[in-house]
Amino acid sequence: MSLNPLRLRYPVLIRCMGEGRRPSVREVKSVAKRILREAFPEREARRQSDTRLYRNMLRMARAILGSEPDKQ
């Protein structure tokens, strides 16, 4: 059985969207960081939780995943 390449490349998106469940806070943050790394490869991929760009990526991750995260 072959694994779907999207499942391997974007596991959080597949788990949340494919299973129709809300993302955890950790999942939202991981998607936001991934968007940041992929959209802005020239920037250092470090935690930037106090920057406007990172906050915007968190909003984008929530929109992509389709809901607000569960509190954990």
PDB file of N, CA and C in Angstrom:
ATOM      1  N   MET A   1       0.848  -1.177   0.000  1.00  0.00           N
ATOM      2  CA  MET A   1       0.000   0.000   0.000  1.00  0.00           C
ATOM      3  C   MET A   1       0.894   1.241   0.000  1.00  0.00           C
ATOM      4  N   SER A   2       0.664   2.161  -0.935  1.00  0.00           N
ATOM      5  CA  SER A   2       1.471   3.375  -0.988  1.00  0.00           C
ATOM      6  C   SER A   2       0.787   4.479  -0.183  1.00  0.00           C
ATOM      7  N   LEU A   3       1.614   5.272   0.462  1.00  0.00           N
ATOM      8  CA  LEU A   3       1.082   6.389   1.248  1.00  0.00           C
ATOM      9  C   LEU A   3       0.875   7.592   0.348  1.00  0.00           C
ATOM     10  N   ASN A   4      -0.150   8.325   0.606  1.00  0.00           N
ATOM     11  CA  ASN A   4      -0.439   9.540  -0.122  1.00  0.00           C
ATOM     12  C   ASN A   4       0.677  10.548   0.149  1.00  0.00           C
ATOM     13  N   PRO A   5       1.293  11.131  -0.907  1.00  0.00           N
ATOM     14  CA  PRO A   5       2.387  12.091  -0.687  1.00  0.00           C
ATOM     15  C   PRO A   5       1.957  13.311   0.119  1.00  0.00           C
ATOM     16  N   LEU A   6       0.710  13.748  -0.027  1.00  0.00           N
ATOM     17  CA  LEU A   6       0.246  14.889   0.771  1.00  0.00           C
ATOM     18  C   LEU A   6       0.181  14.542   2.246  1.00  0.00           C
ATOM     19  N   ARG A   7      -0.156  13.307   2.570  1.00  0.00           N
ATOM     20  CA  ARG A   7      -0.213  12.871   3.969  1.00  0.00           C
ATOM     21  C   ARG A   7       1.184  12.958   4.594  1.00  0.00           C
ATOM     22  N   LEU A   8       2.189  12.640   3.819  1.00  0.00           N
ATOM     23  CA  LEU A   8       3.563  12.706   4.318  1.00  0.00           C
ATOM     24  C   LEU A   8       4.064  14.139   4.396  1.00  0.00           C
ATOM     25  N   ARG A   9       3.701  14.953   3.418  1.00  0.00           N
ATOM     26  CA  ARG A   9       4.219  16.320   3.368  1.00  0.00           C
ATOM     27  C   ARG A   9       3.472  17.280   4.300  1.00  0.00           C
ATOM     28  N   TYR A  10       2.181  17.094   4.441  1.00  0.00           N
ATOM     29  CA  TYR A  10       1.368  17.992   5.251  1.00  0.00           C
ATOM     30  C   TYR A  10       0.513  17.206   6.245  1.00  0.00           C
ATOM     31  N   PRO A  11       1.130  16.539   7.194  1.00  0.00           N
ATOM     32  CA  PRO A  11       0.366  15.657   8.083  1.00  0.00           C
ATOM     33  C   PRO A  11      -0.681  16.362   8.934  1.00  0.00           C
ATOM     34  N   VAL A  12      -0.405  17.559   9.414  1.00  0.00           N
ATOM     35  CA  VAL A  12      -1.375  18.262  10.255  1.00  0.00           C
ATOM     36  C   VAL A  12      -2.602  18.642   9.439  1.00  0.00           C
ATOM     37  N   LEU A  13      -2.387  19.170   8.244  1.00  0.00           N
ATOM     38  CA  LEU A  13      -3.521  19.538   7.401  1.00  0.00           C
ATOM     39  C   LEU A  13      -4.391  18.328   7.090  1.00  0.00           C
ATOM     40  N   ILE A  14      -3.760  17.224   6.760  1.00  0.00           N
ATOM     41  CA  ILE A  14      -4.510  16.016   6.417  1.00  0.00           C
ATOM     42  C   ILE A  14      -5.271  15.495   7.632  1.00  0.00           C
ATOM     43  N   ARG A  15      -4.622  15.495   8.787  1.00  0.00           N
ATOM     44  CA  ARG A  15      -5.293  14.988   9.994  1.00  0.00           C
ATOM     45  C   ARG A  15      -6.502  15.848  10.359  1.00  0.00           C
ATOM     46  N   CYS A  16      -6.338  17.158  10.323  1.00  0.00           N
ATOM     47  CA  CYS A  16      -7.440  18.030  10.735  1.00  0.00           C
ATOM     48  C   CYS A  16      -8.535  18.114   9.679  1.00  0.00           C
ATOM     49  N   MET A  17      -8.154  18.365   8.452  1.00  0.00           N
ATOM     50  CA  MET A  17      -9.150  18.526   7.397  1.00  0.00           C
ATOM     51  C   MET A  17      -9.737  17.185   6.987  1.00  0.00           C
ATOM     52  N   GLY A  18      -8.895  16.179   6.854  1.00  0.00           N
ATOM     53  CA  GLY A  18      -9.357  14.868   6.420  1.00  0.00           C
ATOM     54  C   GLY A  18     -10.237  14.169   7.436  1.00  0.00           C
ATOM     55  N   GLU A  19      -9.957  14.425   8.712  1.00  0.00           N
ATOM     56  CA  GLU A  19     -10.741  13.797   9.772  1.00  0.00           C
ATOM     57  C   GLU A  19     -11.862  14.706  10.271  1.00  0.00           C
ATOM     58  N   GLY A  20     -11.918  15.933   9.754  1.00  0.00           N
ATOM     59  CA  GLY A  20     -12.973  16.863  10.141  1.00  0.00           C
ATOM     60  C   GLY A  20     -12.955  17.226  11.612  1.00  0.00           C
ATOM     61  N   ARG A  21     -11.769  17.396  12.169  1.00  0.00           N
ATOM     62  CA  ARG A  21     -11.690  17.755  13.583  1.00  0.00           C
ATOM     63  C   ARG A  21     -10.986  19.093  13.741  1.00  0.00           C
ATOM     64  N   ARG A  22     -11.194  19.697  14.903  1.00  0.00           N
ATOM     65  CA  ARG A  22     -10.554  20.971  15.204  1.00  0.00           C
ATOM     66  C   ARG A  22      -9.086  20.751  15.534  1.00  0.00           C
ATOM     67  N   PRO A  23      -8.227  21.692  15.135  1.00  0.00           N
ATOM     68  CA  PRO A  23      -6.801  21.562  15.432  1.00  0.00           C
ATOM     69  C   PRO A  23      -6.499  21.908  16.882  1.00  0.00           C
ATOM     70  N   SER A  24      -5.436  21.333  17.394  1.00  0.00           N
ATOM     71  CA  SER A  24      -4.957  21.716  18.723  1.00  0.00           C
ATOM     72  C   SER A  24      -4.129  22.995  18.576  1.00  0.00           C
ATOM     73  N   VAL A  25      -3.835  23.629  19.683  1.00  0.00           N
ATOM     74  CA  VAL A  25      -2.991  24.832  19.672  1.00  0.00           C
ATOM     75  C   VAL A  25      -1.638  24.486  19.071  1.00  0.00           C
ATOM     76  N   ARG A  26      -1.086  23.361  19.442  1.00  0.00           N
ATOM     77  CA  ARG A  26       0.222  22.933  18.921  1.00  0.00           C
ATOM     78  C   ARG A  26       0.182  22.761  17.401  1.00  0.00           C
ATOM     79  N   GLU A  27      -0.896  22.195  16.897  1.00  0.00           N
ATOM     80  CA  GLU A  27      -1.017  21.999  15.453  1.00  0.00           C
ATOM     81  C   GLU A  27      -1.112  23.327  14.713  1.00  0.00           C
ATOM     82  N   VAL A  28      -1.861  24.262  15.253  1.00  0.00           N
ATOM     83  CA  VAL A  28      -1.970  25.584  14.628  1.00  0.00           C
ATOM     84  C   VAL A  28      -0.598  26.248  14.591  1.00  0.00           C
ATOM     85  N   LYS A  29       0.141  26.174  15.685  1.00  0.00           N
ATOM     86  CA  LYS A  29       1.473  26.779  15.721  1.00  0.00           C
ATOM     87  C   LYS A  29       2.418  26.105  14.739  1.00  0.00           C
ATOM     88  N   SER A  30       2.338  24.794  14.618  1.00  0.00           N
ATOM     89  CA  SER A  30       3.235  24.105  13.695  1.00  0.00           C
ATOM     90  C   SER A  30       2.921  24.474  12.250  1.00  0.00           C
ATOM     91  N   VAL A  31       1.642  24.627  11.915  1.00  0.00           N
ATOM     92  CA  VAL A  31       1.274  25.038  10.567  1.00  0.00           C
ATOM     93  C   VAL A  31       1.720  26.481  10.319  1.00  0.00           C
ATOM     94  N   ALA A  32       1.550  27.353  11.290  1.00  0.00           N
ATOM     95  CA  ALA A  32       1.984  28.748  11.145  1.00  0.00           C
ATOM     96  C   ALA A  32       3.486  28.838  10.918  1.00  0.00           C
ATOM     97  N   LYS A  33       4.246  28.073  11.678  1.00  0.00           N
ATOM     98  CA  LYS A  33       5.708  28.086  11.504  1.00  0.00           C
ATOM     99  C   LYS A  33       6.107  27.532  10.147  1.00  0.00           C
ATOM    100  N   ARG A  34       5.386  26.519   9.696  1.00  0.00           N
ATOM    101  CA  ARG A  34       5.690  25.938   8.385  1.00  0.00           C
ATOM    102  C   ARG A  34       5.386  26.934   7.279  1.00  0.00           C
ATOM    103  N   ILE A  35       4.252  27.627   7.376  1.00  0.00           N
ATOM    104  CA  ILE A  35       3.919  28.657   6.391  1.00  0.00           C
ATOM    105  C   ILE A  35       5.014  29.715   6.373  1.00  0.00           C
ATOM    106  N   LEU A  36       5.437  30.138   7.544  1.00  0.00           N
ATOM    107  CA  LEU A  36       6.483  31.155   7.658  1.00  0.00           C
ATOM    108  C   LEU A  36       7.770  30.684   6.981  1.00  0.00           C
ATOM    109  N   ARG A  37       8.160  29.443   7.258  1.00  0.00           N
ATOM    110  CA  ARG A  37       9.392  28.905   6.650  1.00  0.00           C
ATOM    111  C   ARG A  37       9.273  28.787   5.134  1.00  0.00           C
ATOM    112  N   GLU A  38       8.126  28.306   4.656  1.00  0.00           N
ATOM    113  CA  GLU A  38       7.972  28.088   3.224  1.00  0.00           C
ATOM    114  C   GLU A  38       7.722  29.392   2.454  1.00  0.00           C
ATOM    115  N   ALA A  39       7.014  30.325   3.056  1.00  0.00           N
ATOM    116  CA  ALA A  39       6.705  31.582   2.376  1.00  0.00           C
ATOM    117  C   ALA A  39       7.868  32.567   2.418  1.00  0.00           C
ATOM    118  N   PHE A  40       8.665  32.483   3.482  1.00  0.00           N
ATOM    119  CA  PHE A  40       9.779  33.415   3.660  1.00  0.00           C
ATOM    120  C   PHE A  40      11.066  32.642   3.960  1.00  0.00           C
ATOM    121  N   PRO A  41      11.573  31.879   2.991  1.00  0.00           N
ATOM    122  CA  PRO A  41      12.749  31.047   3.250  1.00  0.00           C
ATOM    123  C   PRO A  41      14.007  31.852   3.586  1.00  0.00           C
ATOM    124  N   GLU A  42      14.032  33.121   3.195  1.00  0.00           N
ATOM    125  CA  GLU A  42      15.207  33.940   3.473  1.00  0.00           C
ATOM    126  C   GLU A  42      15.299  34.357   4.950  1.00  0.00           C
ATOM    127  N   ARG A  43      14.187  34.254   5.660  1.00  0.00           N
ATOM    128  CA  ARG A  43      14.185  34.606   7.086  1.00  0.00           C
ATOM    129  C   ARG A  43      14.659  33.426   7.919  1.00  0.00           C
ATOM    130  N   GLU A  44      15.266  33.738   9.016  1.00  0.00           N
ATOM    131  CA  GLU A  44      15.690  32.676   9.927  1.00  0.00           C
ATOM    132  C   GLU A  44      14.453  31.990  10.493  1.00  0.00           C
ATOM    133  N   ALA A  45      14.428  30.654  10.436  1.00  0.00           N
ATOM    134  CA  ALA A  45      13.262  29.886  10.909  1.00  0.00           C
ATOM    135  C   ALA A  45      13.368  29.662  12.412  1.00  0.00           C
ATOM    136  N   ARG A  46      13.138  30.723  13.161  1.00  0.00           N
ATOM    137  CA  ARG A  46      13.158  30.606  14.619  1.00  0.00           C
ATOM    138  C   ARG A  46      11.823  31.099  15.158  1.00  0.00           C
ATOM    139  N   ARG A  47      11.573  30.805  16.391  1.00  0.00           N
ATOM    140  CA  ARG A  47      10.303  31.219  16.990  1.00  0.00           C
ATOM    141  C   ARG A  47      10.215  32.738  17.007  1.00  0.00           C
ATOM    142  N   GLN A  48       9.158  33.243  16.433  1.00  0.00           N
ATOM    143  CA  GLN A  48       8.965  34.690  16.335  1.00  0.00           C
ATOM    144  C   GLN A  48       7.581  35.053  16.854  1.00  0.00           C
ATOM    145  N   SER A  49       7.248  34.549  18.015  1.00  0.00           N
ATOM    146  CA  SER A  49       5.890  34.683  18.514  1.00  0.00           C
ATOM    147  C   SER A  49       5.479  36.117  18.821  1.00  0.00           C
ATOM    148  N   ASP A  50       6.424  37.034  18.905  1.00  0.00           N
ATOM    149  CA  ASP A  50       6.049  38.402  19.221  1.00  0.00           C
ATOM    150  C   ASP A  50       6.031  39.293  17.985  1.00  0.00           C
ATOM    151  N   THR A  51       6.232  38.734  16.815  1.00  0.00           N
ATOM    152  CA  THR A  51       6.246  39.562  15.618  1.00  0.00           C
ATOM    153  C   THR A  51       4.883  39.596  14.949  1.00  0.00           C
ATOM    154  N   ARG A  52       4.622  40.667  14.250  1.00  0.00           N
ATOM    155  CA  ARG A  52       3.372  40.809  13.509  1.00  0.00           C
ATOM    156  C   ARG A  52       3.258  39.730  12.429  1.00  0.00           C
ATOM    157  N   LEU A  53       4.373  39.426  11.783  1.00  0.00           N
ATOM    158  CA  LEU A  53       4.357  38.411  10.736  1.00  0.00           C
ATOM    159  C   LEU A  53       3.928  37.057  11.288  1.00  0.00           C
ATOM    160  N   TYR A  54       4.486  36.672  12.430  1.00  0.00           N
ATOM    161  CA  TYR A  54       4.117  35.384  13.022  1.00  0.00           C
ATOM    162  C   TYR A  54       2.641  35.372  13.431  1.00  0.00           C
ATOM    163  N   ARG A  55       2.159  36.461  13.993  1.00  0.00           N
ATOM    164  CA  ARG A  55       0.743  36.527  14.366  1.00  0.00           C
ATOM    165  C   ARG A  55      -0.148  36.408  13.132  1.00  0.00           C
ATOM    166  N   ASN A  56       0.280  37.020  12.032  1.00  0.00           N
ATOM    167  CA  ASN A  56      -0.479  36.887  10.788  1.00  0.00           C
ATOM    168  C   ASN A  56      -0.457  35.446  10.285  1.00  0.00           C
ATOM    169  N   MET A  57       0.668  34.765  10.437  1.00  0.00           N
ATOM    170  CA  MET A  57       0.750  33.371  10.019  1.00  0.00           C
ATOM    171  C   MET A  57      -0.139  32.490  10.897  1.00  0.00           C
ATOM    172  N   LEU A  58      -0.271  32.834  12.178  1.00  0.00           N
ATOM    173  CA  LEU A  58      -1.196  32.099  13.051  1.00  0.00           C
ATOM    174  C   LEU A  58      -2.630  32.265  12.566  1.00  0.00           C
ATOM    175  N   ARG A  59      -2.996  33.487  12.185  1.00  0.00           N
ATOM    176  CA  ARG A  59      -4.346  33.725  11.655  1.00  0.00           C
ATOM    177  C   ARG A  59      -4.560  32.927  10.371  1.00  0.00           C
ATOM    178  N   MET A  60      -3.550  32.907   9.519  1.00  0.00           N
ATOM    179  CA  MET A  60      -3.648  32.168   8.274  1.00  0.00           C
ATOM    180  C   MET A  60      -3.799  30.666   8.540  1.00  0.00           C
ATOM    181  N   ALA A  61      -3.033  30.149   9.493  1.00  0.00           N
ATOM    182  CA  ALA A  61      -3.112  28.725   9.836  1.00  0.00           C
ATOM    183  C   ALA A  61      -4.503  28.382  10.350  1.00  0.00           C
ATOM    184  N   ARG A  62      -5.074  29.244  11.187  1.00  0.00           N
ATOM    185  CA  ARG A  62      -6.433  28.996  11.689  1.00  0.00           C
ATOM    186  C   ARG A  62      -7.444  28.998  10.548  1.00  0.00           C
ATOM    187  N   ALA A  63      -7.262  29.906   9.597  1.00  0.00           N
ATOM    188  CA  ALA A  63      -8.175  29.963   8.454  1.00  0.00           C
ATOM    189  C   ALA A  63      -8.028  28.716   7.586  1.00  0.00           C
ATOM    190  N   ILE A  64      -6.813  28.278   7.361  1.00  0.00           N
ATOM    191  CA  ILE A  64      -6.573  27.088   6.543  1.00  0.00           C
ATOM    192  C   ILE A  64      -7.175  25.854   7.205  1.00  0.00           C
ATOM    193  N   LEU A  65      -6.987  25.744   8.505  1.00  0.00           N
ATOM    194  CA  LEU A  65      -7.472  24.569   9.223  1.00  0.00           C
ATOM    195  C   LEU A  65      -8.974  24.636   9.484  1.00  0.00           C
ATOM    196  N   GLY A  66      -9.569  25.792   9.247  1.00  0.00           N
ATOM    197  CA  GLY A  66     -11.015  25.890   9.267  1.00  0.00           C
ATOM    198  C   GLY A  66     -11.673  26.184  10.593  1.00  0.00           C
ATOM    199  N   SER A  67     -10.904  26.447  11.638  1.00  0.00           N
ATOM    200  CA  SER A  67     -11.542  26.777  12.910  1.00  0.00           C
ATOM    201  C   SER A  67     -10.515  27.261  13.909  1.00  0.00           C
ATOM    202  N   GLU A  68     -11.043  27.754  14.994  1.00  0.00           N
ATOM    203  CA  GLU A  68     -10.179  28.121  16.109  1.00  0.00           C
ATOM    204  C   GLU A  68      -9.681  26.844  16.775  1.00  0.00           C
ATOM    205  N   PRO A  69      -8.474  26.885  17.363  1.00  0.00           N
ATOM    206  CA  PRO A  69      -7.948  25.673  18.001  1.00  0.00           C
ATOM    207  C   PRO A  69      -8.650  25.334  19.307  1.00  0.00           C
ATOM    208  N   ASP A  70      -8.637  24.065  19.668  1.00  0.00           N
ATOM    209  CA  ASP A  70      -9.078  23.646  20.990  1.00  0.00           C
ATOM    210  C   ASP A  70      -8.029  24.128  21.979  1.00  0.00           C
ATOM    211  N   LYS A  71      -8.435  24.545  23.152  1.00  0.00           N
ATOM    212  CA  LYS A  71      -7.500  24.977  24.188  1.00  0.00           C
ATOM    213  C   LYS A  71      -6.851  23.768  24.826  1.00  0.00           C
ATOM    214  N   GLN A  72      -5.528  23.775  24.889  1.00  0.00           N
ATOM    215  CA  GLN A  72      -4.805  22.672  25.541  1.00  0.00           C
ATOM    216  C   GLN A  72      -3.710  23.214  26.400  1.00  0.00           C
TER     217      GLN A  72
END
